[in-house]
Amino acid sequence: MRHAVLGAGGVGGLVGGALAKAGHPVTVLVRPGHQNHYPEQLTMESNMLGIFEVPVRVANRLDGQFDVVWITVKATALEAALGAVTEEELNGAVVVPLLNGVDHVGRLRERYGAERVLPGTIRVEAEQLEPGRVRQLSSFVNIEVAPNLTTLTRAEVLCNELRAARLSCEVSDDEVTMLWGKLCFLAPFALATTASGGSLGAVRSDAGWSTCLEAGVKEACAVGLAEGAEVAPEPILAALEGAPDAFQSSMQRDVAAGRAPELDAIAGPILRGGSKHGIEVSATQALVDHIVRAT
């Protein structure tokens, strides 16, 4: 299939680079006037995928026929970035968002129609070192997509392509659980590491931060359950306990670099859901308040 990547940072660069290495045409979409700032190649540094360079096209909007448009920008940049992908230019392509949070799926469906949006999640630790150069820090890349009847066939073909490119991909029949399953892990982890300024190992070794992390997981799962997701805190806490000590969140790196953190996308659904369903989310709120005060 022909792929376009809107937001070729850590996540988008990794996915685009792996697909290009597997022989698929990949176009990187950048902001108008920035084509000359992005090289016509992706360079990958990964213990899992290897070290390699692959050619890509660079454009500032959809200018041809594509099968998949990956949306991998930060949630804070979503509205501005969507100008590069109009409904008319999308044609028969399917949009696959790999953003943090849950609210963006409804926004994309409003813009492009439910039949053109294939919600997805990705679990990976990757960073952009410079335009066109990405380093994968984790030993895994796990992608999940949740199709409707219209996008089911496309989702199965896409997952086969991703697996052939050495990226794990699964088709889910439960969109709500897919989205909240990731958020219930990501939000407490991102908020606790960012608020503390330390790695996951540092959070786990400090009684106060460890308590906040555990409470955040329980709050997120309570809201997720109320929203219809099949989530539970025990497996998430076990996964956090088994993750490497050096594990850091992209929110933590954003704050350290002076970039705006994705607080609304990551913590917002939990805070708003807590208010909506009458669920106590004080630990999540306290972590958010700490980050706001520090930025």
C-alpha atoms as a PDB file:
ATOM      1  CA  MET A   1       0.000   0.000   0.000  1.00  0.00           C
ATOM      2  CA  ARG A   2       0.968   3.657  -0.444  1.00  0.00           C
ATOM      3  CA  HIS A   3       1.539   5.464   2.847  1.00  0.00           C
ATOM      4  CA  ALA A   4       1.608   9.116   3.902  1.00  0.00           C
ATOM      5  CA  VAL A   5       2.870  10.084   7.367  1.00  0.00           C
ATOM      6  CA  LEU A   6       1.652  13.310   8.952  1.00  0.00           C
ATOM      7  CA  GLY A   7       3.992  13.991  11.857  1.00  0.00           C
ATOM      8  CA  ALA A   8       7.170  12.046  11.116  1.00  0.00           C
ATOM      9  CA  GLY A   9       8.742  12.497  14.562  1.00  0.00           C
ATOM     10  CA  GLY A  10       9.636   9.553  16.769  1.00  0.00           C
ATOM     11  CA  VAL A  11       6.523   7.451  16.173  1.00  0.00           C
ATOM     12  CA  GLY A  12       5.782   8.509  12.600  1.00  0.00           C
ATOM     13  CA  GLY A  13       9.407   8.275  11.564  1.00  0.00           C
ATOM     14  CA  LEU A  14       9.704   4.784  12.992  1.00  0.00           C
ATOM     15  CA  VAL A  15       6.535   3.498  11.306  1.00  0.00           C
ATOM     16  CA  GLY A  16       7.335   5.226   8.020  1.00  0.00           C
ATOM     17  CA  GLY A  17      10.938   4.056   8.077  1.00  0.00           C
ATOM     18  CA  ALA A  18      10.010   0.426   8.747  1.00  0.00           C
ATOM     19  CA  LEU A  19       7.410   0.446   5.948  1.00  0.00           C
ATOM     20  CA  ALA A  20       9.814   2.107   3.506  1.00  0.00           C
ATOM     21  CA  LYS A  21      12.497  -0.468   4.318  1.00  0.00           C
ATOM     22  CA  ALA A  22       9.938  -3.190   3.555  1.00  0.00           C
ATOM     23  CA  GLY A  23       9.477  -1.676   0.078  1.00  0.00           C
ATOM     24  CA  HIS A  24       6.327   0.420   0.480  1.00  0.00           C
ATOM     25  CA  PRO A  25       6.137   3.960  -0.981  1.00  0.00           C
ATOM     26  CA  VAL A  26       6.188   6.467   1.901  1.00  0.00           C
ATOM     27  CA  THR A  27       5.526  10.215   1.745  1.00  0.00           C
ATOM     28  CA  VAL A  28       6.317  12.426   4.733  1.00  0.00           C
ATOM     29  CA  LEU A  29       3.946  15.390   5.159  1.00  0.00           C
ATOM     30  CA  VAL A  30       5.552  18.497   6.643  1.00  0.00           C
ATOM     31  CA  ARG A  31       4.398  22.051   7.316  1.00  0.00           C
ATOM     32  CA  PRO A  32       4.281  24.427   4.337  1.00  0.00           C
ATOM     33  CA  GLY A  33       7.684  25.949   3.733  1.00  0.00           C
ATOM     34  CA  HIS A  34       9.501  23.193   5.615  1.00  0.00           C
ATOM     35  CA  GLN A  35      10.177  20.766   2.762  1.00  0.00           C
ATOM     36  CA  ASN A  36      13.795  21.887   2.583  1.00  0.00           C
ATOM     37  CA  HIS A  37      14.249  21.258   6.316  1.00  0.00           C
ATOM     38  CA  TYR A  38      13.376  17.565   6.051  1.00  0.00           C
ATOM     39  CA  PRO A  39      15.700  15.204   4.147  1.00  0.00           C
ATOM     40  CA  GLU A  40      14.266  12.870   1.508  1.00  0.00           C
ATOM     41  CA  GLN A  41      15.237   9.895   3.621  1.00  0.00           C
ATOM     42  CA  LEU A  42      14.574   8.402   7.035  1.00  0.00           C
ATOM     43  CA  THR A  43      17.459   7.203   9.177  1.00  0.00           C
ATOM     44  CA  MET A  44      16.629   4.611  11.826  1.00  0.00           C
ATOM     45  CA  GLU A  45      18.697   3.585  14.851  1.00  0.00           C
ATOM     46  CA  SER A  46      17.152   0.554  16.488  1.00  0.00           C
ATOM     47  CA  ASN A  47      18.389  -2.581  18.217  1.00  0.00           C
ATOM     48  CA  MET A  48      15.209  -4.267  17.018  1.00  0.00           C
ATOM     49  CA  LEU A  49      15.053  -3.094  13.391  1.00  0.00           C
ATOM     50  CA  GLY A  50      18.717  -2.299  12.829  1.00  0.00           C
ATOM     51  CA  ILE A  51      20.477   0.833  11.640  1.00  0.00           C
ATOM     52  CA  PHE A  52      19.458   1.878   8.133  1.00  0.00           C
ATOM     53  CA  GLU A  53      18.523   4.707   5.768  1.00  0.00           C
ATOM     54  CA  VAL A  54      15.588   4.595   3.362  1.00  0.00           C
ATOM     55  CA  PRO A  55      14.355   7.124   0.780  1.00  0.00           C
ATOM     56  CA  VAL A  56      10.997   8.884   1.236  1.00  0.00           C
ATOM     57  CA  ARG A  57       9.092  11.639  -0.551  1.00  0.00           C
ATOM     58  CA  VAL A  58       8.562  14.936   1.272  1.00  0.00           C
ATOM     59  CA  ALA A  59       5.443  17.060   0.612  1.00  0.00           C
ATOM     60  CA  ASN A  60       3.382  19.680   2.439  1.00  0.00           C
ATOM     61  CA  ARG A  61      -0.020  18.135   1.640  1.00  0.00           C
ATOM     62  CA  LEU A  62      -1.604  15.085   0.080  1.00  0.00           C
ATOM     63  CA  ASP A  63      -0.726  15.409  -3.575  1.00  0.00           C
ATOM     64  CA  GLY A  64      -1.430  11.948  -4.946  1.00  0.00           C
ATOM     65  CA  GLN A  65      -3.249   8.689  -4.380  1.00  0.00           C
ATOM     66  CA  PHE A  66      -2.651   7.021  -1.012  1.00  0.00           C
ATOM     67  CA  ASP A  67      -4.052   3.998   0.785  1.00  0.00           C
ATOM     68  CA  VAL A  68      -3.142   4.959   4.357  1.00  0.00           C
ATOM     69  CA  VAL A  69      -2.568   8.338   5.991  1.00  0.00           C
ATOM     70  CA  TRP A  70      -0.884   7.959   9.386  1.00  0.00           C
ATOM     71  CA  ILE A  71      -1.628  10.778  11.852  1.00  0.00           C
ATOM     72  CA  THR A  72       1.256  10.768  14.334  1.00  0.00           C
ATOM     73  CA  VAL A  73       1.543  14.403  15.410  1.00  0.00           C
ATOM     74  CA  LYS A  74       1.368  15.442  19.052  1.00  0.00           C
ATOM     75  CA  ALA A  75      -2.187  16.057  20.211  1.00  0.00           C
ATOM     76  CA  THR A  76      -1.262  19.692  20.835  1.00  0.00           C
ATOM     77  CA  ALA A  77      -0.491  20.090  17.108  1.00  0.00           C
ATOM     78  CA  LEU A  78      -3.405  18.120  15.672  1.00  0.00           C
ATOM     79  CA  GLU A  79      -5.708  20.957  14.612  1.00  0.00           C
ATOM     80  CA  ALA A  80      -2.965  22.887  12.844  1.00  0.00           C
ATOM     81  CA  ALA A  81      -1.610  19.774  11.139  1.00  0.00           C
ATOM     82  CA  LEU A  82      -4.937  18.623   9.687  1.00  0.00           C
ATOM     83  CA  GLY A  83      -4.794  21.415   7.116  1.00  0.00           C
ATOM     84  CA  ALA A  84      -2.395  19.169   5.179  1.00  0.00           C
ATOM     85  CA  VAL A  85      -5.091  16.492   4.812  1.00  0.00           C
ATOM     86  CA  THR A  86      -8.374  17.795   3.432  1.00  0.00           C
ATOM     87  CA  GLU A  87     -11.387  15.556   2.987  1.00  0.00           C
ATOM     88  CA  GLU A  88     -11.279  16.042  -0.784  1.00  0.00           C
ATOM     89  CA  GLU A  89      -7.578  15.152  -1.060  1.00  0.00           C
ATOM     90  CA  LEU A  90      -8.007  12.087   1.113  1.00  0.00           C
ATOM     91  CA  ASN A  91      -9.904  10.316  -1.684  1.00  0.00           C
ATOM     92  CA  GLY A  92     -10.051   6.603  -0.856  1.00  0.00           C
ATOM     93  CA  ALA A  93      -7.348   6.594   1.821  1.00  0.00           C
ATOM     94  CA  VAL A  94      -8.004   5.528   5.379  1.00  0.00           C
ATOM     95  CA  VAL A  95      -6.761   7.689   8.264  1.00  0.00           C
ATOM     96  CA  VAL A  96      -4.927   5.820  11.033  1.00  0.00           C
ATOM     97  CA  PRO A  97      -4.279   8.011  14.098  1.00  0.00           C
ATOM     98  CA  LEU A  98      -1.634   6.902  16.600  1.00  0.00           C
ATOM     99  CA  LEU A  99      -2.109   9.803  19.006  1.00  0.00           C
ATOM    100  CA  ASN A 100      -2.178   9.660  22.769  1.00  0.00           C
ATOM    101  CA  GLY A 101      -5.587   9.895  24.434  1.00  0.00           C
ATOM    102  CA  VAL A 102      -9.090   9.064  23.232  1.00  0.00           C
ATOM    103  CA  ASP A 103     -10.807  12.319  22.214  1.00  0.00           C
ATOM    104  CA  HIS A 104      -9.037  12.725  18.869  1.00  0.00           C
ATOM    105  CA  VAL A 105     -10.925   9.800  17.304  1.00  0.00           C
ATOM    106  CA  GLY A 106     -14.260  11.636  17.453  1.00  0.00           C
ATOM    107  CA  ARG A 107     -12.639  14.783  16.067  1.00  0.00           C
ATOM    108  CA  LEU A 108     -11.228  12.890  13.084  1.00  0.00           C
ATOM    109  CA  ARG A 109     -14.552  11.174  12.413  1.00  0.00           C
ATOM    110  CA  GLU A 110     -16.298  14.534  12.380  1.00  0.00           C
ATOM    111  CA  ARG A 111     -13.806  15.766   9.777  1.00  0.00           C
ATOM    112  CA  TYR A 112     -13.423  12.728   7.527  1.00  0.00           C
ATOM    113  CA  GLY A 113     -16.359  10.406   8.295  1.00  0.00           C
ATOM    114  CA  ALA A 114     -16.409   7.193  10.320  1.00  0.00           C
ATOM    115  CA  GLU A 115     -15.799   5.054   7.240  1.00  0.00           C
ATOM    116  CA  ARG A 116     -12.415   6.729   6.656  1.00  0.00           C
ATOM    117  CA  VAL A 117     -11.002   6.572  10.193  1.00  0.00           C
ATOM    118  CA  LEU A 118      -9.266   3.467  11.530  1.00  0.00           C
ATOM    119  CA  PRO A 119      -8.426   4.132  15.205  1.00  0.00           C
ATOM    120  CA  GLY A 120      -5.100   2.791  16.362  1.00  0.00           C
ATOM    121  CA  THR A 121      -2.668   2.764  19.256  1.00  0.00           C
ATOM    122  CA  ILE A 122       1.062   2.209  19.439  1.00  0.00           C
ATOM    123  CA  ARG A 123       3.223   1.179  22.368  1.00  0.00           C
ATOM    124  CA  VAL A 124       6.830   2.110  21.786  1.00  0.00           C
ATOM    125  CA  GLU A 125       9.563   4.355  23.119  1.00  0.00           C
ATOM    126  CA  ALA A 126      11.094   6.313  20.239  1.00  0.00           C
ATOM    127  CA  GLU A 127      12.456   9.799  19.741  1.00  0.00           C
ATOM    128  CA  GLN A 128      13.374  12.101  16.886  1.00  0.00           C
ATOM    129  CA  LEU A 129      17.015  13.091  17.150  1.00  0.00           C
ATOM    130  CA  GLU A 130      16.726  15.541  14.233  1.00  0.00           C
ATOM    131  CA  PRO A 131      14.454  15.800  11.182  1.00  0.00           C
ATOM    132  CA  GLY A 132      14.566  12.469   9.393  1.00  0.00           C
ATOM    133  CA  ARG A 133      16.580  10.684  12.106  1.00  0.00           C
ATOM    134  CA  VAL A 134      14.813   8.492  14.653  1.00  0.00           C
ATOM    135  CA  ARG A 135      16.046   6.329  17.493  1.00  0.00           C
ATOM    136  CA  GLN A 136      13.958   3.507  18.921  1.00  0.00           C
ATOM    137  CA  LEU A 137      14.631   3.141  22.640  1.00  0.00           C
ATOM    138  CA  SER A 138      12.301   0.237  23.432  1.00  0.00           C
ATOM    139  CA  SER A 139      12.754  -3.392  22.393  1.00  0.00           C
ATOM    140  CA  PHE A 140       9.168  -3.552  21.104  1.00  0.00           C
ATOM    141  CA  VAL A 141       6.730  -1.834  18.747  1.00  0.00           C
ATOM    142  CA  ASN A 142       3.151  -2.924  19.367  1.00  0.00           C
ATOM    143  CA  ILE A 143       0.432  -1.474  17.120  1.00  0.00           C
ATOM    144  CA  GLU A 144      -3.266  -2.201  17.482  1.00  0.00           C
ATOM    145  CA  VAL A 145      -6.142  -1.080  15.245  1.00  0.00           C
ATOM    146  CA  ALA A 146      -9.899  -1.273  15.837  1.00  0.00           C
ATOM    147  CA  PRO A 147     -11.816  -1.309  12.528  1.00  0.00           C
ATOM    148  CA  ASN A 148     -15.509  -1.036  11.794  1.00  0.00           C
ATOM    149  CA  LEU A 149     -17.152  -3.144   9.077  1.00  0.00           C
ATOM    150  CA  THR A 150     -16.082  -0.648   6.400  1.00  0.00           C
ATOM    151  CA  THR A 151     -12.408  -0.663   7.364  1.00  0.00           C
ATOM    152  CA  LEU A 152     -12.027  -4.308   8.441  1.00  0.00           C
ATOM    153  CA  THR A 153     -10.454  -5.585   5.217  1.00  0.00           C
ATOM    154  CA  ARG A 154      -8.092  -2.619   5.028  1.00  0.00           C
ATOM    155  CA  ALA A 155      -7.097  -3.176   8.661  1.00  0.00           C
ATOM    156  CA  GLU A 156      -6.199  -6.814   8.048  1.00  0.00           C
ATOM    157  CA  VAL A 157      -4.097  -5.963   4.990  1.00  0.00           C
ATOM    158  CA  LEU A 158      -2.392  -3.153   6.912  1.00  0.00           C
ATOM    159  CA  CYS A 159      -1.525  -5.408   9.848  1.00  0.00           C
ATOM    160  CA  ASN A 160      -0.024  -7.964   7.465  1.00  0.00           C
ATOM    161  CA  GLU A 161       2.179  -5.248   5.947  1.00  0.00           C
ATOM    162  CA  LEU A 162       3.276  -4.037   9.369  1.00  0.00           C
ATOM    163  CA  ARG A 163       4.142  -7.559  10.497  1.00  0.00           C
ATOM    164  CA  ALA A 164       6.165  -8.080   7.319  1.00  0.00           C
ATOM    165  CA  ALA A 165       7.995  -4.858   8.252  1.00  0.00           C
ATOM    166  CA  ARG A 166       8.794  -6.455  11.663  1.00  0.00           C
ATOM    167  CA  LEU A 167       6.276  -4.346  13.603  1.00  0.00           C
ATOM    168  CA  SER A 168       3.756  -6.132  15.803  1.00  0.00           C
ATOM    169  CA  CYS A 169       0.139  -5.421  14.808  1.00  0.00           C
ATOM    170  CA  GLU A 170      -3.169  -6.796  16.052  1.00  0.00           C
ATOM    171  CA  VAL A 171      -6.773  -6.174  15.008  1.00  0.00           C
ATOM    172  CA  SER A 172      -9.060  -5.404  17.964  1.00  0.00           C
ATOM    173  CA  ASP A 173     -12.825  -5.791  18.039  1.00  0.00           C
ATOM    174  CA  ASP A 174     -13.193  -3.375  20.972  1.00  0.00           C
ATOM    175  CA  GLU A 175     -12.181   0.213  20.196  1.00  0.00           C
ATOM    176  CA  VAL A 176     -13.027   1.582  23.648  1.00  0.00           C
ATOM    177  CA  THR A 177     -10.940  -1.026  25.445  1.00  0.00           C
ATOM    178  CA  MET A 178      -8.068  -0.546  22.989  1.00  0.00           C
ATOM    179  CA  LEU A 179      -7.934   3.214  23.570  1.00  0.00           C
ATOM    180  CA  TRP A 180      -8.500   3.149  27.325  1.00  0.00           C
ATOM    181  CA  GLY A 181      -6.224   0.152  27.793  1.00  0.00           C
ATOM    182  CA  LYS A 182      -3.318   2.246  26.557  1.00  0.00           C
ATOM    183  CA  LEU A 183      -4.425   5.401  28.386  1.00  0.00           C
ATOM    184  CA  CYS A 184      -4.727   3.614  31.744  1.00  0.00           C
ATOM    185  CA  PHE A 185      -1.039   2.685  31.436  1.00  0.00           C
ATOM    186  CA  LEU A 186       0.218   5.840  29.771  1.00  0.00           C
ATOM    187  CA  ALA A 187      -1.447   8.547  31.850  1.00  0.00           C
ATOM    188  CA  PRO A 188      -0.223   7.498  35.330  1.00  0.00           C
ATOM    189  CA  PHE A 189       3.235   6.671  33.958  1.00  0.00           C
ATOM    190  CA  ALA A 190       3.591   9.929  31.998  1.00  0.00           C
ATOM    191  CA  LEU A 191       2.187  12.112  34.770  1.00  0.00           C
ATOM    192  CA  ALA A 192       4.255  10.527  37.553  1.00  0.00           C
ATOM    193  CA  THR A 193       7.561  10.597  35.668  1.00  0.00           C
ATOM    194  CA  THR A 194       6.978  14.162  34.463  1.00  0.00           C
ATOM    195  CA  ALA A 195       5.897  15.478  37.867  1.00  0.00           C
ATOM    196  CA  SER A 196       8.807  13.784  39.639  1.00  0.00           C
ATOM    197  CA  GLY A 197      11.369  14.530  36.936  1.00  0.00           C
ATOM    198  CA  GLY A 198      12.692  10.994  37.279  1.00  0.00           C
ATOM    199  CA  SER A 199      12.604   7.720  35.384  1.00  0.00           C
ATOM    200  CA  LEU A 200      10.095   4.977  36.109  1.00  0.00           C
ATOM    201  CA  GLY A 201      12.663   3.321  38.351  1.00  0.00           C
ATOM    202  CA  ALA A 202      13.017   6.511  40.378  1.00  0.00           C
ATOM    203  CA  VAL A 203       9.230   6.751  40.723  1.00  0.00           C
ATOM    204  CA  ARG A 204       8.949   3.140  41.875  1.00  0.00           C
ATOM    205  CA  SER A 205      11.738   3.550  44.441  1.00  0.00           C
ATOM    206  CA  ASP A 206      10.141   6.609  46.075  1.00  0.00           C
ATOM    207  CA  ALA A 207       7.241   5.800  48.401  1.00  0.00           C
ATOM    208  CA  GLY A 208       5.378   9.036  47.704  1.00  0.00           C
ATOM    209  CA  TRP A 209       5.628   8.940  43.919  1.00  0.00           C
ATOM    210  CA  SER A 210       4.977   5.194  43.865  1.00  0.00           C
ATOM    211  CA  THR A 211       1.747   5.759  45.783  1.00  0.00           C
ATOM    212  CA  CYS A 212       0.712   8.438  43.291  1.00  0.00           C
ATOM    213  CA  LEU A 213       1.458   6.104  40.385  1.00  0.00           C
ATOM    214  CA  GLU A 214      -0.639   3.300  41.810  1.00  0.00           C
ATOM    215  CA  ALA A 215      -3.517   5.620  42.694  1.00  0.00           C
ATOM    216  CA  GLY A 216      -3.393   7.099  39.188  1.00  0.00           C
ATOM    217  CA  VAL A 217      -3.701   3.650  37.613  1.00  0.00           C
ATOM    218  CA  LYS A 218      -6.702   2.807  39.787  1.00  0.00           C
ATOM    219  CA  GLU A 219      -8.394   6.126  38.985  1.00  0.00           C
ATOM    220  CA  ALA A 220      -7.815   5.771  35.242  1.00  0.00           C
ATOM    221  CA  CYS A 221      -9.187   2.221  35.243  1.00  0.00           C
ATOM    222  CA  ALA A 222     -12.262   3.265  37.239  1.00  0.00           C
ATOM    223  CA  VAL A 223     -13.056   5.949  34.669  1.00  0.00           C
ATOM    224  CA  GLY A 224     -12.276   3.582  31.791  1.00  0.00           C
ATOM    225  CA  LEU A 225     -14.698   1.008  33.198  1.00  0.00           C
ATOM    226  CA  ALA A 226     -17.378   3.672  33.501  1.00  0.00           C
ATOM    227  CA  GLU A 227     -16.748   4.570  29.834  1.00  0.00           C
ATOM    228  CA  GLY A 228     -17.312   0.958  28.778  1.00  0.00           C
ATOM    229  CA  ALA A 229     -13.746  -0.340  28.569  1.00  0.00           C
ATOM    230  CA  GLU A 230     -12.696  -3.716  29.912  1.00  0.00           C
ATOM    231  CA  VAL A 231      -9.707  -2.612  31.985  1.00  0.00           C
ATOM    232  CA  ALA A 232      -8.344  -3.527  35.414  1.00  0.00           C
ATOM    233  CA  PRO A 233      -5.498  -2.025  37.463  1.00  0.00           C
ATOM    234  CA  GLU A 234      -3.736  -5.289  38.377  1.00  0.00           C
ATOM    235  CA  PRO A 235      -2.227  -6.157  34.960  1.00  0.00           C
ATOM    236  CA  ILE A 236      -1.281  -2.522  34.343  1.00  0.00           C
ATOM    237  CA  LEU A 237       0.481  -2.256  37.700  1.00  0.00           C
ATOM    238  CA  ALA A 238       2.267  -5.532  36.936  1.00  0.00           C
ATOM    239  CA  ALA A 239       3.384  -4.161  33.550  1.00  0.00           C
ATOM    240  CA  LEU A 240       4.677  -0.977  35.189  1.00  0.00           C
ATOM    241  CA  GLU A 241       6.516  -3.042  37.775  1.00  0.00           C
ATOM    242  CA  GLY A 242       8.177  -5.097  35.052  1.00  0.00           C
ATOM    243  CA  ALA A 243       9.162  -2.163  32.820  1.00  0.00           C
ATOM    244  CA  PRO A 244      12.830  -1.067  32.733  1.00  0.00           C
ATOM    245  CA  ASP A 245      14.043   1.343  35.411  1.00  0.00           C
ATOM    246  CA  ALA A 246      15.287   3.771  32.747  1.00  0.00           C
ATOM    247  CA  PHE A 247      11.860   4.014  31.073  1.00  0.00           C
ATOM    248  CA  GLN A 248      10.855   7.653  30.516  1.00  0.00           C
ATOM    249  CA  SER A 249       7.752   9.235  29.010  1.00  0.00           C
ATOM    250  CA  SER A 250       7.543  11.470  25.956  1.00  0.00           C
ATOM    251  CA  MET A 251       5.694  14.007  28.138  1.00  0.00           C
ATOM    252  CA  GLN A 252       8.704  14.114  30.427  1.00  0.00           C
ATOM    253  CA  ARG A 253      11.011  14.751  27.462  1.00  0.00           C
ATOM    254  CA  ASP A 254       8.666  17.443  26.117  1.00  0.00           C
ATOM    255  CA  VAL A 255       8.716  19.341  29.410  1.00  0.00           C
ATOM    256  CA  ALA A 256      12.496  19.011  29.713  1.00  0.00           C
ATOM    257  CA  ALA A 257      12.847  20.462  26.190  1.00  0.00           C
ATOM    258  CA  GLY A 258      10.457  23.348  26.915  1.00  0.00           C
ATOM    259  CA  ARG A 259       7.672  21.971  24.705  1.00  0.00           C
ATOM    260  CA  ALA A 260       4.008  22.025  25.726  1.00  0.00           C
ATOM    261  CA  PRO A 261       3.020  18.685  27.305  1.00  0.00           C
ATOM    262  CA  GLU A 262      -0.030  16.737  26.125  1.00  0.00           C
ATOM    263  CA  LEU A 263      -1.806  17.227  29.435  1.00  0.00           C
ATOM    264  CA  ASP A 264      -5.307  17.629  28.039  1.00  0.00           C
ATOM    265  CA  ALA A 265      -5.041  14.634  25.719  1.00  0.00           C
ATOM    266  CA  ILE A 266      -3.545  12.327  28.355  1.00  0.00           C
ATOM    267  CA  ALA A 267      -5.044  13.482  31.654  1.00  0.00           C
ATOM    268  CA  GLY A 268      -8.131  15.285  30.335  1.00  0.00           C
ATOM    269  CA  PRO A 269     -10.267  12.194  29.609  1.00  0.00           C
ATOM    270  CA  ILE A 270      -9.656  10.917  33.137  1.00  0.00           C
ATOM    271  CA  LEU A 271     -10.420  14.230  34.819  1.00  0.00           C
ATOM    272  CA  ARG A 272     -13.506  14.890  32.698  1.00  0.00           C
ATOM    273  CA  GLY A 273     -14.635  11.287  33.052  1.00  0.00           C
ATOM    274  CA  GLY A 274     -14.235  11.451  36.806  1.00  0.00           C
ATOM    275  CA  SER A 275     -16.468  14.523  36.942  1.00  0.00           C
ATOM    276  CA  LYS A 276     -18.988  12.948  34.563  1.00  0.00           C
ATOM    277  CA  HIS A 277     -19.278   9.663  36.472  1.00  0.00           C
ATOM    278  CA  GLY A 278     -18.698  10.938  40.017  1.00  0.00           C
ATOM    279  CA  ILE A 279     -15.377   9.096  40.381  1.00  0.00           C
ATOM    280  CA  GLU A 280     -12.591  10.344  42.666  1.00  0.00           C
ATOM    281  CA  VAL A 281      -9.548  11.310  40.569  1.00  0.00           C
ATOM    282  CA  SER A 282      -7.619  13.384  43.095  1.00  0.00           C
ATOM    283  CA  ALA A 283      -4.261  11.671  42.476  1.00  0.00           C
ATOM    284  CA  THR A 284      -4.461  12.414  38.748  1.00  0.00           C
ATOM    285  CA  GLN A 285      -5.452  16.007  39.462  1.00  0.00           C
ATOM    286  CA  ALA A 286      -2.581  16.438  41.923  1.00  0.00           C
ATOM    287  CA  LEU A 287      -0.047  15.203  39.355  1.00  0.00           C
ATOM    288  CA  VAL A 288      -1.453  17.538  36.709  1.00  0.00           C
ATOM    289  CA  ASP A 289      -1.332  20.478  39.120  1.00  0.00           C
ATOM    290  CA  HIS A 290       2.283  19.699  39.953  1.00  0.00           C
ATOM    291  CA  ILE A 291       3.242  19.669  36.259  1.00  0.00           C
ATOM    292  CA  VAL A 292       1.350  22.901  35.546  1.00  0.00           C
ATOM    293  CA  ARG A 293       3.119  24.680  38.394  1.00  0.00           C
ATOM    294  CA  ALA A 294       6.504  23.500  37.136  1.00  0.00           C
ATOM    295  CA  THR A 295       6.022  24.529  33.493  1.00  0.00           C
END
